[in-house]
N, C-alpha and C. Protein backbone atom coordinates (compact mmCIF):
# COMPACT_ATOMS: atom_id res chain seq x y z
N MET A 1 43.00 77.60 87.91
CA MET A 1 43.31 77.07 86.57
C MET A 1 42.04 76.80 85.78
N GLU A 2 41.04 76.18 86.43
CA GLU A 2 39.82 75.83 85.72
C GLU A 2 39.09 77.07 85.23
N SER A 3 39.09 78.13 86.06
CA SER A 3 38.37 79.34 85.67
C SER A 3 39.09 80.09 84.56
N VAL A 4 40.41 79.82 84.39
CA VAL A 4 41.17 80.45 83.32
C VAL A 4 40.94 79.70 82.01
N PHE A 5 41.17 78.41 82.04
CA PHE A 5 41.08 77.60 80.81
C PHE A 5 39.71 76.94 80.71
N THR A 6 38.69 77.77 80.73
CA THR A 6 37.35 77.26 80.49
C THR A 6 37.22 76.92 79.01
N LYS A 7 36.20 76.14 78.70
CA LYS A 7 35.98 75.74 77.31
C LYS A 7 35.81 76.96 76.41
N SER A 8 35.03 77.93 76.88
CA SER A 8 34.78 79.12 76.06
C SER A 8 36.06 79.94 75.86
N ASN A 9 36.89 80.05 76.92
CA ASN A 9 38.15 80.79 76.80
C ASN A 9 39.10 80.10 75.82
N LEU A 10 39.21 78.79 75.91
CA LEU A 10 40.10 78.05 75.02
C LEU A 10 39.64 78.14 73.57
N ILE A 11 38.33 78.02 73.36
CA ILE A 11 37.80 78.14 72.00
C ILE A 11 38.10 79.53 71.45
N TYR A 12 37.91 80.55 72.28
CA TYR A 12 38.15 81.92 71.85
C TYR A 12 39.62 82.15 71.50
N MET A 13 40.52 81.65 72.35
CA MET A 13 41.95 81.85 72.10
C MET A 13 42.43 81.06 70.88
N PHE A 14 41.98 79.82 70.75
CA PHE A 14 42.44 79.00 69.62
C PHE A 14 41.78 79.42 68.31
N ARG A 15 40.61 80.03 68.40
CA ARG A 15 40.05 80.63 67.19
C ARG A 15 40.94 81.77 66.72
N GLY A 16 41.46 82.53 67.68
CA GLY A 16 42.42 83.58 67.35
C GLY A 16 43.70 83.01 66.78
N LEU A 17 44.14 81.85 67.30
CA LEU A 17 45.35 81.21 66.77
C LEU A 17 45.14 80.80 65.32
N GLY A 18 43.93 80.36 65.00
CA GLY A 18 43.62 80.03 63.61
C GLY A 18 43.76 81.24 62.71
N VAL A 19 43.28 82.40 63.19
CA VAL A 19 43.42 83.64 62.42
C VAL A 19 44.89 84.00 62.26
N THR A 20 45.66 83.86 63.35
CA THR A 20 47.10 84.15 63.31
C THR A 20 47.80 83.33 62.23
N LEU A 21 47.56 82.02 62.24
CA LEU A 21 48.23 81.14 61.29
C LEU A 21 47.74 81.40 59.86
N TYR A 22 46.46 81.71 59.72
CA TYR A 22 45.91 82.00 58.38
C TYR A 22 46.52 83.28 57.82
N VAL A 23 46.56 84.33 58.64
CA VAL A 23 47.16 85.60 58.20
C VAL A 23 48.62 85.39 57.82
N ALA A 24 49.35 84.66 58.67
CA ALA A 24 50.77 84.41 58.40
C ALA A 24 50.96 83.62 57.11
N LEU A 25 50.17 82.55 56.93
CA LEU A 25 50.32 81.69 55.75
C LEU A 25 50.02 82.45 54.47
N ILE A 26 48.87 83.13 54.42
CA ILE A 26 48.49 83.85 53.19
C ILE A 26 49.47 84.99 52.92
N SER A 27 49.89 85.70 53.97
CA SER A 27 50.83 86.80 53.79
C SER A 27 52.16 86.31 53.23
N VAL A 28 52.64 85.19 53.76
CA VAL A 28 53.92 84.64 53.28
C VAL A 28 53.81 84.17 51.84
N LEU A 29 52.72 83.48 51.49
CA LEU A 29 52.55 83.00 50.12
C LEU A 29 52.48 84.17 49.13
N LEU A 30 51.70 85.18 49.46
CA LEU A 30 51.59 86.34 48.58
C LEU A 30 52.90 87.11 48.49
N SER A 31 53.59 87.24 49.62
CA SER A 31 54.85 87.98 49.62
C SER A 31 55.95 87.22 48.88
N MET A 32 55.87 85.90 48.85
CA MET A 32 56.82 85.12 48.06
C MET A 32 56.67 85.44 46.57
N VAL A 33 55.42 85.54 46.13
CA VAL A 33 55.15 85.86 44.72
C VAL A 33 55.60 87.28 44.41
N PHE A 34 55.13 88.25 45.19
CA PHE A 34 55.46 89.65 44.94
C PHE A 34 56.94 89.90 45.18
N GLY A 35 57.51 89.28 46.21
CA GLY A 35 58.93 89.44 46.49
C GLY A 35 59.81 88.89 45.39
N THR A 36 59.39 87.77 44.79
CA THR A 36 60.14 87.21 43.66
C THR A 36 60.12 88.16 42.48
N ILE A 37 58.96 88.74 42.21
CA ILE A 37 58.85 89.71 41.12
C ILE A 37 59.76 90.91 41.37
N LEU A 38 59.75 91.42 42.60
CA LEU A 38 60.62 92.55 42.94
C LEU A 38 62.09 92.19 42.78
N ALA A 39 62.45 90.98 43.21
CA ALA A 39 63.85 90.54 43.09
C ALA A 39 64.27 90.43 41.63
N LEU A 40 63.37 89.93 40.78
CA LEU A 40 63.67 89.84 39.35
C LEU A 40 63.80 91.22 38.73
N PHE A 41 62.92 92.14 39.15
CA PHE A 41 63.02 93.53 38.67
C PHE A 41 64.38 94.12 39.04
N ARG A 42 64.77 93.91 40.29
CA ARG A 42 66.02 94.53 40.76
C ARG A 42 67.25 93.88 40.13
N SER A 43 67.18 92.60 39.86
CA SER A 43 68.34 91.89 39.32
C SER A 43 68.45 91.98 37.81
N TYR A 44 67.30 91.94 37.12
CA TYR A 44 67.34 91.84 35.66
C TYR A 44 66.47 92.86 34.93
N GLY A 45 65.81 93.75 35.68
CA GLY A 45 64.90 94.69 35.04
C GLY A 45 65.61 95.87 34.40
N ASN A 46 64.82 96.65 33.65
CA ASN A 46 65.36 97.89 33.07
C ASN A 46 65.49 98.94 34.17
N LYS A 47 65.89 100.12 33.77
CA LYS A 47 66.18 101.17 34.76
C LYS A 47 64.93 101.51 35.59
N PHE A 48 63.78 101.59 34.93
CA PHE A 48 62.55 101.94 35.65
C PHE A 48 62.16 100.86 36.65
N LEU A 49 62.14 99.60 36.20
CA LEU A 49 61.74 98.49 37.08
C LEU A 49 62.73 98.32 38.23
N LYS A 50 64.01 98.46 37.92
CA LYS A 50 65.02 98.36 38.97
C LYS A 50 64.86 99.49 39.99
N GLY A 51 64.60 100.70 39.51
CA GLY A 51 64.40 101.83 40.41
C GLY A 51 63.18 101.65 41.29
N PHE A 52 62.08 101.15 40.68
CA PHE A 52 60.85 100.91 41.45
C PHE A 52 61.10 99.90 42.56
N SER A 53 61.78 98.80 42.23
CA SER A 53 62.02 97.76 43.23
C SER A 53 62.92 98.26 44.35
N ILE A 54 63.93 99.05 44.01
CA ILE A 54 64.83 99.59 45.04
C ILE A 54 64.08 100.50 45.99
N VAL A 55 63.26 101.41 45.43
CA VAL A 55 62.48 102.34 46.27
C VAL A 55 61.53 101.56 47.17
N TYR A 56 60.83 100.60 46.60
CA TYR A 56 59.87 99.81 47.38
C TYR A 56 60.56 99.07 48.52
N ILE A 57 61.63 98.36 48.18
CA ILE A 57 62.33 97.55 49.18
C ILE A 57 62.90 98.42 50.30
N GLU A 58 63.54 99.51 49.93
CA GLU A 58 64.15 100.38 50.95
C GLU A 58 63.09 101.06 51.81
N LEU A 59 61.96 101.44 51.19
CA LEU A 59 60.88 102.08 51.94
C LEU A 59 60.35 101.17 53.04
N PHE A 60 60.04 99.94 52.68
CA PHE A 60 59.43 99.03 53.65
C PHE A 60 60.44 98.45 54.63
N ARG A 61 61.67 98.26 54.20
CA ARG A 61 62.67 97.70 55.11
C ARG A 61 63.16 98.72 56.14
N ASN A 62 62.95 99.99 55.88
CA ASN A 62 63.44 101.01 56.80
C ASN A 62 62.31 101.74 57.53
N THR A 63 61.14 101.13 57.54
CA THR A 63 60.01 101.65 58.33
C THR A 63 59.44 100.49 59.15
N PRO A 64 58.85 100.78 60.31
CA PRO A 64 58.36 99.69 61.16
C PRO A 64 57.10 99.02 60.59
N ASN A 65 57.01 97.74 60.80
CA ASN A 65 55.86 96.98 60.33
C ASN A 65 54.56 97.49 60.95
N LEU A 66 54.63 97.84 62.23
CA LEU A 66 53.43 98.32 62.93
C LEU A 66 52.86 99.57 62.27
N LEU A 67 53.73 100.42 61.72
CA LEU A 67 53.27 101.63 61.03
C LEU A 67 52.33 101.26 59.89
N TRP A 68 52.68 100.24 59.10
CA TRP A 68 51.85 99.84 57.97
C TRP A 68 50.60 99.11 58.42
N VAL A 69 50.67 98.39 59.52
CA VAL A 69 49.48 97.75 60.08
C VAL A 69 48.44 98.82 60.44
N LEU A 70 48.89 99.87 61.12
CA LEU A 70 47.99 100.95 61.52
C LEU A 70 47.49 101.74 60.32
N ALA A 71 48.40 102.06 59.40
CA ALA A 71 48.03 102.88 58.24
C ALA A 71 46.99 102.19 57.38
N ILE A 72 47.21 100.93 57.08
CA ILE A 72 46.29 100.21 56.19
C ILE A 72 44.97 99.93 56.89
N ARG A 73 45.01 99.65 58.19
CA ARG A 73 43.76 99.37 58.92
C ARG A 73 42.86 100.58 58.95
N PHE A 74 43.44 101.78 59.14
CA PHE A 74 42.61 102.96 59.35
C PHE A 74 42.54 103.90 58.14
N MET A 75 43.40 103.71 57.14
CA MET A 75 43.43 104.64 56.01
C MET A 75 43.05 104.00 54.68
N VAL A 76 43.02 102.68 54.62
CA VAL A 76 42.69 102.00 53.36
C VAL A 76 41.34 101.32 53.51
N ARG A 77 40.45 101.62 52.59
CA ARG A 77 39.12 100.99 52.60
C ARG A 77 39.18 99.73 51.73
N MET A 78 39.07 98.59 52.36
CA MET A 78 39.17 97.32 51.65
C MET A 78 37.87 97.04 50.89
N PRO A 79 37.97 96.59 49.65
CA PRO A 79 36.76 96.29 48.86
C PRO A 79 36.11 94.98 49.32
N LYS A 80 34.83 94.86 49.08
CA LYS A 80 34.13 93.61 49.37
C LYS A 80 34.57 92.56 48.35
N PRO A 81 34.69 91.30 48.72
CA PRO A 81 34.36 90.68 50.02
C PRO A 81 35.55 90.65 50.98
N PHE A 82 36.52 91.55 50.78
CA PHE A 82 37.73 91.55 51.62
C PHE A 82 37.72 92.71 52.62
N ASP A 83 36.52 93.07 53.08
CA ASP A 83 36.41 94.21 53.99
C ASP A 83 36.47 93.82 55.46
N ALA A 84 36.63 92.52 55.75
CA ALA A 84 36.82 92.10 57.15
C ALA A 84 38.17 92.59 57.64
N PRO A 85 38.28 92.96 58.92
CA PRO A 85 39.55 93.50 59.46
C PRO A 85 40.76 92.60 59.20
N MET A 86 40.54 91.29 59.20
CA MET A 86 41.65 90.35 58.99
C MET A 86 42.38 90.62 57.68
N TYR A 87 41.64 91.02 56.64
CA TYR A 87 42.25 91.20 55.33
C TYR A 87 43.15 92.43 55.27
N SER A 88 42.85 93.43 56.07
CA SER A 88 43.76 94.58 56.14
C SER A 88 45.08 94.15 56.76
N GLY A 89 45.01 93.21 57.71
CA GLY A 89 46.23 92.65 58.29
C GLY A 89 47.03 91.87 57.27
N ILE A 90 46.35 91.07 56.45
CA ILE A 90 47.03 90.31 55.41
C ILE A 90 47.70 91.25 54.42
N LEU A 91 47.00 92.32 54.03
CA LEU A 91 47.57 93.27 53.08
C LEU A 91 48.81 93.95 53.65
N SER A 92 48.73 94.41 54.89
CA SER A 92 49.87 95.10 55.49
C SER A 92 51.08 94.18 55.63
N PHE A 93 50.85 92.94 56.05
CA PHE A 93 51.96 91.99 56.19
C PHE A 93 52.52 91.58 54.83
N THR A 94 51.65 91.47 53.83
CA THR A 94 52.13 91.13 52.49
C THR A 94 53.02 92.22 51.93
N LEU A 95 52.59 93.46 52.06
CA LEU A 95 53.39 94.58 51.54
C LEU A 95 54.73 94.66 52.24
N PHE A 96 54.72 94.52 53.56
CA PHE A 96 55.96 94.64 54.33
C PHE A 96 56.88 93.44 54.08
N THR A 97 56.32 92.24 54.15
CA THR A 97 57.15 91.04 54.03
C THR A 97 57.68 90.86 52.62
N SER A 98 56.98 91.40 51.62
CA SER A 98 57.46 91.29 50.23
C SER A 98 58.83 91.92 50.07
N ALA A 99 59.07 93.02 50.78
CA ALA A 99 60.37 93.68 50.69
C ALA A 99 61.47 92.79 51.26
N VAL A 100 61.17 92.11 52.36
CA VAL A 100 62.15 91.20 52.96
C VAL A 100 62.37 89.99 52.05
N MET A 101 61.27 89.43 51.55
CA MET A 101 61.37 88.27 50.66
C MET A 101 62.14 88.62 49.39
N ALA A 102 61.97 89.84 48.90
CA ALA A 102 62.68 90.25 47.69
C ALA A 102 64.19 90.16 47.88
N GLU A 103 64.67 90.59 49.04
CA GLU A 103 66.11 90.53 49.30
C GLU A 103 66.58 89.09 49.51
N ILE A 104 65.73 88.27 50.10
CA ILE A 104 66.08 86.85 50.26
C ILE A 104 66.19 86.18 48.89
N VAL A 105 65.20 86.43 48.03
CA VAL A 105 65.22 85.84 46.69
C VAL A 105 66.38 86.38 45.88
N ARG A 106 66.66 87.67 46.02
CA ARG A 106 67.79 88.25 45.27
C ARG A 106 69.11 87.59 45.68
N GLY A 107 69.24 87.30 46.97
CA GLY A 107 70.43 86.58 47.42
C GLY A 107 70.51 85.20 46.79
N GLY A 108 69.35 84.54 46.66
CA GLY A 108 69.32 83.24 46.01
C GLY A 108 69.67 83.33 44.54
N LEU A 109 69.18 84.37 43.87
CA LEU A 109 69.51 84.57 42.46
C LEU A 109 71.01 84.78 42.27
N ASN A 110 71.59 85.54 43.17
CA ASN A 110 73.04 85.81 43.07
C ASN A 110 73.88 84.56 43.33
N SER A 111 73.30 83.58 44.02
CA SER A 111 74.05 82.36 44.32
C SER A 111 74.08 81.38 43.15
N VAL A 112 73.21 81.60 42.17
CA VAL A 112 73.18 80.71 41.00
C VAL A 112 74.32 81.10 40.06
N PRO A 113 75.18 80.16 39.68
CA PRO A 113 76.31 80.49 38.80
C PRO A 113 75.86 81.11 37.49
N LYS A 114 76.58 82.13 37.02
CA LYS A 114 76.24 82.81 35.78
C LYS A 114 76.30 81.86 34.58
N GLY A 115 77.11 80.82 34.71
CA GLY A 115 77.21 79.85 33.63
C GLY A 115 75.91 79.13 33.33
N GLN A 116 74.96 79.17 34.29
CA GLN A 116 73.67 78.54 34.06
C GLN A 116 72.91 79.23 32.94
N PHE A 117 73.06 80.55 32.85
CA PHE A 117 72.42 81.29 31.75
C PHE A 117 73.00 80.85 30.41
N GLU A 118 74.32 80.81 30.33
CA GLU A 118 74.97 80.44 29.08
C GLU A 118 74.59 79.02 28.67
N ALA A 119 74.53 78.12 29.64
CA ALA A 119 74.16 76.74 29.33
C ALA A 119 72.72 76.66 28.82
N ALA A 120 71.83 77.43 29.45
CA ALA A 120 70.42 77.42 29.04
C ALA A 120 70.25 78.02 27.64
N PHE A 121 70.94 79.14 27.39
CA PHE A 121 70.84 79.77 26.07
C PHE A 121 71.37 78.85 24.98
N SER A 122 72.42 78.10 25.30
CA SER A 122 72.99 77.19 24.31
C SER A 122 72.05 76.04 23.98
N GLN A 123 71.10 75.76 24.89
CA GLN A 123 70.11 74.71 24.67
C GLN A 123 68.83 75.24 24.03
N GLY A 124 68.84 76.52 23.67
CA GLY A 124 67.69 77.10 22.98
C GLY A 124 66.66 77.75 23.87
N PHE A 125 66.94 77.88 25.18
CA PHE A 125 66.01 78.56 26.08
C PHE A 125 66.11 80.06 25.87
N ASN A 126 64.97 80.75 25.88
CA ASN A 126 65.02 82.21 25.89
C ASN A 126 65.13 82.68 27.33
N PHE A 127 65.20 84.01 27.55
CA PHE A 127 65.44 84.52 28.91
C PHE A 127 64.32 84.15 29.89
N PRO A 128 63.02 84.39 29.54
CA PRO A 128 61.96 84.02 30.50
C PRO A 128 61.97 82.54 30.87
N LYS A 129 62.15 81.66 29.87
CA LYS A 129 62.17 80.23 30.17
C LYS A 129 63.38 79.84 31.02
N THR A 130 64.49 80.53 30.78
CA THR A 130 65.69 80.27 31.59
C THR A 130 65.43 80.62 33.05
N ILE A 131 64.79 81.77 33.27
CA ILE A 131 64.48 82.20 34.64
C ILE A 131 63.53 81.21 35.32
N VAL A 132 62.45 80.84 34.62
CA VAL A 132 61.40 80.00 35.22
C VAL A 132 61.87 78.57 35.43
N HIS A 133 62.54 78.00 34.45
CA HIS A 133 62.85 76.56 34.48
C HIS A 133 64.25 76.23 35.01
N ILE A 134 65.16 77.18 34.95
CA ILE A 134 66.54 76.90 35.35
C ILE A 134 66.96 77.66 36.60
N ILE A 135 66.78 78.98 36.58
CA ILE A 135 67.32 79.83 37.65
C ILE A 135 66.48 79.77 38.93
N LEU A 136 65.17 80.00 38.82
CA LEU A 136 64.33 80.06 40.02
C LEU A 136 64.30 78.75 40.81
N PRO A 137 64.22 77.58 40.17
CA PRO A 137 64.25 76.34 40.97
C PRO A 137 65.52 76.22 41.83
N GLN A 138 66.66 76.58 41.27
CA GLN A 138 67.91 76.53 42.04
C GLN A 138 67.91 77.60 43.13
N CYS A 139 67.36 78.76 42.81
CA CYS A 139 67.28 79.86 43.77
C CYS A 139 66.44 79.46 44.98
N PHE A 140 65.23 78.94 44.73
CA PHE A 140 64.33 78.59 45.83
C PHE A 140 64.89 77.47 46.69
N LYS A 141 65.59 76.54 46.07
CA LYS A 141 66.20 75.46 46.84
C LYS A 141 67.23 76.00 47.83
N ALA A 142 67.94 77.04 47.42
CA ALA A 142 69.00 77.61 48.26
C ALA A 142 68.45 78.46 49.40
N ILE A 143 67.25 79.04 49.20
CA ILE A 143 66.76 80.02 50.18
C ILE A 143 65.67 79.48 51.09
N VAL A 144 65.38 78.18 51.03
CA VAL A 144 64.33 77.62 51.89
C VAL A 144 64.56 77.94 53.37
N PRO A 145 65.77 77.75 53.93
CA PRO A 145 65.97 78.08 55.36
C PRO A 145 65.69 79.55 55.67
N SER A 146 66.12 80.45 54.80
CA SER A 146 65.89 81.88 55.03
C SER A 146 64.41 82.21 54.97
N MET A 147 63.69 81.57 54.05
CA MET A 147 62.25 81.81 53.95
C MET A 147 61.53 81.30 55.19
N LEU A 148 61.92 80.13 55.67
CA LEU A 148 61.29 79.60 56.88
C LEU A 148 61.58 80.49 58.09
N SER A 149 62.77 81.05 58.14
CA SER A 149 63.10 82.00 59.22
C SER A 149 62.19 83.22 59.15
N GLN A 150 61.88 83.66 57.94
CA GLN A 150 60.99 84.80 57.79
C GLN A 150 59.56 84.44 58.18
N VAL A 151 59.15 83.20 57.94
CA VAL A 151 57.83 82.75 58.38
C VAL A 151 57.72 82.87 59.90
N ILE A 152 58.78 82.49 60.61
CA ILE A 152 58.79 82.61 62.07
C ILE A 152 58.60 84.06 62.49
N THR A 153 59.30 84.96 61.81
CA THR A 153 59.18 86.38 62.11
C THR A 153 57.76 86.87 61.88
N VAL A 154 57.14 86.44 60.79
CA VAL A 154 55.78 86.86 60.47
C VAL A 154 54.80 86.37 61.53
N ILE A 155 54.95 85.12 61.95
CA ILE A 155 54.05 84.58 62.98
C ILE A 155 54.15 85.39 64.27
N LYS A 156 55.36 85.73 64.67
CA LYS A 156 55.53 86.54 65.89
C LYS A 156 54.96 87.94 65.70
N ASP A 157 55.18 88.51 64.52
CA ASP A 157 54.74 89.88 64.28
C ASP A 157 53.23 90.02 64.13
N THR A 158 52.52 88.91 63.92
CA THR A 158 51.06 89.02 63.84
C THR A 158 50.47 89.56 65.13
N SER A 159 51.23 89.51 66.21
CA SER A 159 50.75 90.09 67.47
C SER A 159 50.52 91.60 67.34
N PHE A 160 51.15 92.24 66.33
CA PHE A 160 50.90 93.66 66.08
C PHE A 160 49.43 93.91 65.76
N LEU A 161 48.76 92.91 65.20
CA LEU A 161 47.36 93.09 64.80
C LEU A 161 46.45 93.32 66.00
N ALA A 162 46.93 92.96 67.19
CA ALA A 162 46.16 93.24 68.41
C ALA A 162 46.00 94.74 68.62
N GLN A 163 46.93 95.52 68.07
CA GLN A 163 46.86 96.98 68.21
C GLN A 163 45.68 97.58 67.44
N VAL A 164 45.17 96.83 66.46
CA VAL A 164 44.03 97.34 65.68
C VAL A 164 42.82 96.42 65.87
N ALA A 165 42.81 95.69 66.98
CA ALA A 165 41.66 94.89 67.42
C ALA A 165 41.25 93.81 66.43
N ILE A 166 42.23 93.28 65.68
CA ILE A 166 41.95 92.13 64.82
C ILE A 166 42.03 90.88 65.70
N GLU A 167 41.05 90.01 65.59
CA GLU A 167 40.92 88.90 66.53
C GLU A 167 41.88 87.75 66.22
N GLU A 168 43.17 88.03 66.40
CA GLU A 168 44.16 86.96 66.28
C GLU A 168 44.50 86.44 67.68
N PHE A 169 45.47 85.56 67.77
CA PHE A 169 45.73 84.84 69.02
C PHE A 169 46.08 85.76 70.18
N PHE A 170 47.01 86.68 69.97
CA PHE A 170 47.43 87.54 71.07
C PHE A 170 46.30 88.46 71.51
N ASN A 171 45.54 88.98 70.55
CA ASN A 171 44.42 89.86 70.89
C ASN A 171 43.38 89.12 71.72
N ASN A 172 42.99 87.94 71.28
CA ASN A 172 41.97 87.18 72.01
C ASN A 172 42.47 86.74 73.39
N SER A 173 43.75 86.37 73.45
CA SER A 173 44.33 86.00 74.75
C SER A 173 44.38 87.20 75.68
N LYS A 174 44.62 88.37 75.10
CA LYS A 174 44.66 89.60 75.90
C LYS A 174 43.30 89.88 76.53
N TRP A 175 42.23 89.63 75.77
CA TRP A 175 40.90 89.86 76.32
C TRP A 175 40.57 88.85 77.43
N VAL A 176 40.99 87.62 77.24
CA VAL A 176 40.81 86.63 78.31
C VAL A 176 41.60 87.04 79.55
N MET A 177 42.80 87.56 79.32
CA MET A 177 43.65 88.01 80.41
C MET A 177 43.01 89.18 81.16
N SER A 178 42.45 90.12 80.41
CA SER A 178 41.86 91.31 81.05
C SER A 178 40.67 90.95 81.93
N ALA A 179 40.00 89.86 81.59
CA ALA A 179 38.86 89.42 82.40
C ALA A 179 39.31 88.84 83.73
N GLN A 180 40.60 88.51 83.86
CA GLN A 180 41.12 87.91 85.09
C GLN A 180 41.72 88.94 86.05
N ILE A 181 41.88 90.18 85.57
CA ILE A 181 42.58 91.18 86.37
C ILE A 181 41.73 91.60 87.57
N ASP A 182 42.33 91.53 88.73
CA ASP A 182 41.67 91.91 89.97
C ASP A 182 42.75 92.16 90.99
N SER A 183 42.40 92.68 92.12
CA SER A 183 43.39 93.00 93.15
C SER A 183 43.82 91.76 93.93
N THR A 184 43.08 90.68 93.82
CA THR A 184 43.42 89.50 94.61
C THR A 184 44.61 88.77 94.02
N ILE A 185 45.36 88.11 94.88
CA ILE A 185 46.55 87.38 94.45
C ILE A 185 46.17 86.25 93.50
N ASN A 186 45.04 85.57 93.80
CA ASN A 186 44.62 84.44 93.00
C ASN A 186 44.39 84.84 91.54
N GLN A 187 43.70 85.95 91.34
CA GLN A 187 43.40 86.37 89.98
C GLN A 187 44.62 86.99 89.30
N THR A 188 45.50 87.60 90.09
CA THR A 188 46.76 88.09 89.51
C THR A 188 47.58 86.91 89.00
N MET A 189 47.56 85.81 89.74
CA MET A 189 48.27 84.61 89.31
C MET A 189 47.70 84.09 88.00
N ARG A 190 46.39 84.22 87.82
CA ARG A 190 45.77 83.76 86.58
C ARG A 190 46.31 84.52 85.37
N VAL A 191 46.59 85.80 85.56
CA VAL A 191 47.15 86.60 84.47
C VAL A 191 48.51 86.04 84.07
N PHE A 192 49.33 85.71 85.07
CA PHE A 192 50.65 85.15 84.76
C PHE A 192 50.53 83.78 84.09
N ILE A 193 49.52 83.02 84.47
CA ILE A 193 49.29 81.72 83.83
C ILE A 193 48.97 81.91 82.35
N ILE A 194 48.15 82.90 82.05
CA ILE A 194 47.80 83.16 80.65
C ILE A 194 49.02 83.65 79.88
N PHE A 195 49.83 84.53 80.52
CA PHE A 195 51.09 84.96 79.90
C PHE A 195 51.94 83.74 79.53
N GLY A 196 52.05 82.81 80.48
CA GLY A 196 52.83 81.61 80.23
C GLY A 196 52.25 80.78 79.10
N PHE A 197 50.92 80.68 79.07
CA PHE A 197 50.26 79.91 78.01
C PHE A 197 50.52 80.52 76.64
N ILE A 198 50.42 81.84 76.54
CA ILE A 198 50.70 82.53 75.27
C ILE A 198 52.13 82.25 74.83
N SER A 199 53.05 82.37 75.78
CA SER A 199 54.47 82.14 75.46
C SER A 199 54.71 80.72 74.96
N VAL A 200 54.08 79.75 75.63
CA VAL A 200 54.28 78.35 75.25
C VAL A 200 53.76 78.08 73.84
N VAL A 201 52.59 78.63 73.52
CA VAL A 201 52.01 78.40 72.19
C VAL A 201 52.91 78.97 71.10
N TYR A 202 53.34 80.23 71.28
CA TYR A 202 54.25 80.84 70.30
C TYR A 202 55.56 80.05 70.22
N PHE A 203 56.07 79.63 71.38
CA PHE A 203 57.34 78.90 71.41
C PHE A 203 57.24 77.57 70.66
N VAL A 204 56.19 76.82 70.91
CA VAL A 204 56.04 75.51 70.27
C VAL A 204 55.99 75.65 68.75
N ILE A 205 55.21 76.61 68.27
CA ILE A 205 55.09 76.81 66.82
C ILE A 205 56.42 77.24 66.22
N ASN A 206 57.02 78.26 66.80
CA ASN A 206 58.23 78.83 66.22
C ASN A 206 59.46 77.95 66.43
N PHE A 207 59.52 77.26 67.57
CA PHE A 207 60.65 76.35 67.78
C PHE A 207 60.59 75.17 66.81
N SER A 208 59.38 74.70 66.53
CA SER A 208 59.23 73.62 65.55
C SER A 208 59.74 74.06 64.18
N LEU A 209 59.38 75.27 63.79
CA LEU A 209 59.86 75.80 62.51
C LEU A 209 61.38 76.00 62.55
N SER A 210 61.90 76.44 63.70
CA SER A 210 63.35 76.62 63.83
C SER A 210 64.09 75.30 63.64
N CYS A 211 63.53 74.23 64.17
CA CYS A 211 64.15 72.90 64.00
C CYS A 211 64.18 72.51 62.53
N ILE A 212 63.11 72.84 61.82
CA ILE A 212 63.07 72.55 60.38
C ILE A 212 64.14 73.36 59.66
N VAL A 213 64.29 74.63 60.05
CA VAL A 213 65.31 75.49 59.44
C VAL A 213 66.70 74.90 59.64
N ARG A 214 67.00 74.51 60.89
CA ARG A 214 68.32 73.94 61.18
C ARG A 214 68.55 72.64 60.41
N SER A 215 67.49 71.84 60.29
CA SER A 215 67.61 70.58 59.54
C SER A 215 67.91 70.84 58.07
N ARG A 216 67.23 71.84 57.49
CA ARG A 216 67.47 72.18 56.09
C ARG A 216 68.88 72.69 55.87
N LYS A 217 69.35 73.50 56.82
CA LYS A 217 70.71 74.04 56.70
C LYS A 217 71.75 72.93 56.76
N LYS A 218 71.53 71.95 57.65
CA LYS A 218 72.47 70.83 57.76
C LYS A 218 72.50 70.02 56.47
N ARG A 219 71.33 69.84 55.86
CA ARG A 219 71.27 69.08 54.60
C ARG A 219 72.01 69.81 53.49
N GLN A 220 71.88 71.15 53.48
CA GLN A 220 72.53 71.92 52.42
C GLN A 220 74.05 71.94 52.57
N THR A 221 74.51 71.91 53.83
CA THR A 221 75.96 71.97 54.05
C THR A 221 76.60 70.58 54.06
N ALA A 222 75.76 69.54 54.12
CA ALA A 222 76.30 68.17 54.17
C ALA A 222 76.91 67.76 52.82
């Protein structure tokens, strides 16, 4: 146990966890913005904007996330100061997650009664102000549980970044694990210990978020 969880190993793994959480947080925030724009295009845009949003959403929702992680890492040259490998991961997750967020937001928009538009217009609001001040606040309140569920998915999917050697939690833990591999039973056991440690860390983070999701759902249905 001591040779597995040395100070240097723990620092290395938790530094990767910091990257994992940072990539997930920034990707989710950016995808919420872009996804909301796509949802508005699809729900209220003209023919061109609606067509663009449909093509974008269907393209990303029907292709694997790992494909975009690999494509952007090896085919897109990131400009400075965003040329660190981590930023290609953020870009790929933002593009992919935006399509999912767009459908979540669109569902929230559809849940807002149409009478809200008429009430806003009767009070002198124009269409943009109605969307920003009346429709979107109600929409976001309704979709908080779904958004948090998507955050859980993004955190788990950041493990894909290990495929392109981005130093996130799973990648760094994998390197610590590979240093333990040997033919002896003792060192084989160390590998299983690290597997268990990785599982526990992901479980604690995602289960905590799941509890928040369930709590929000209970409040909404109460």
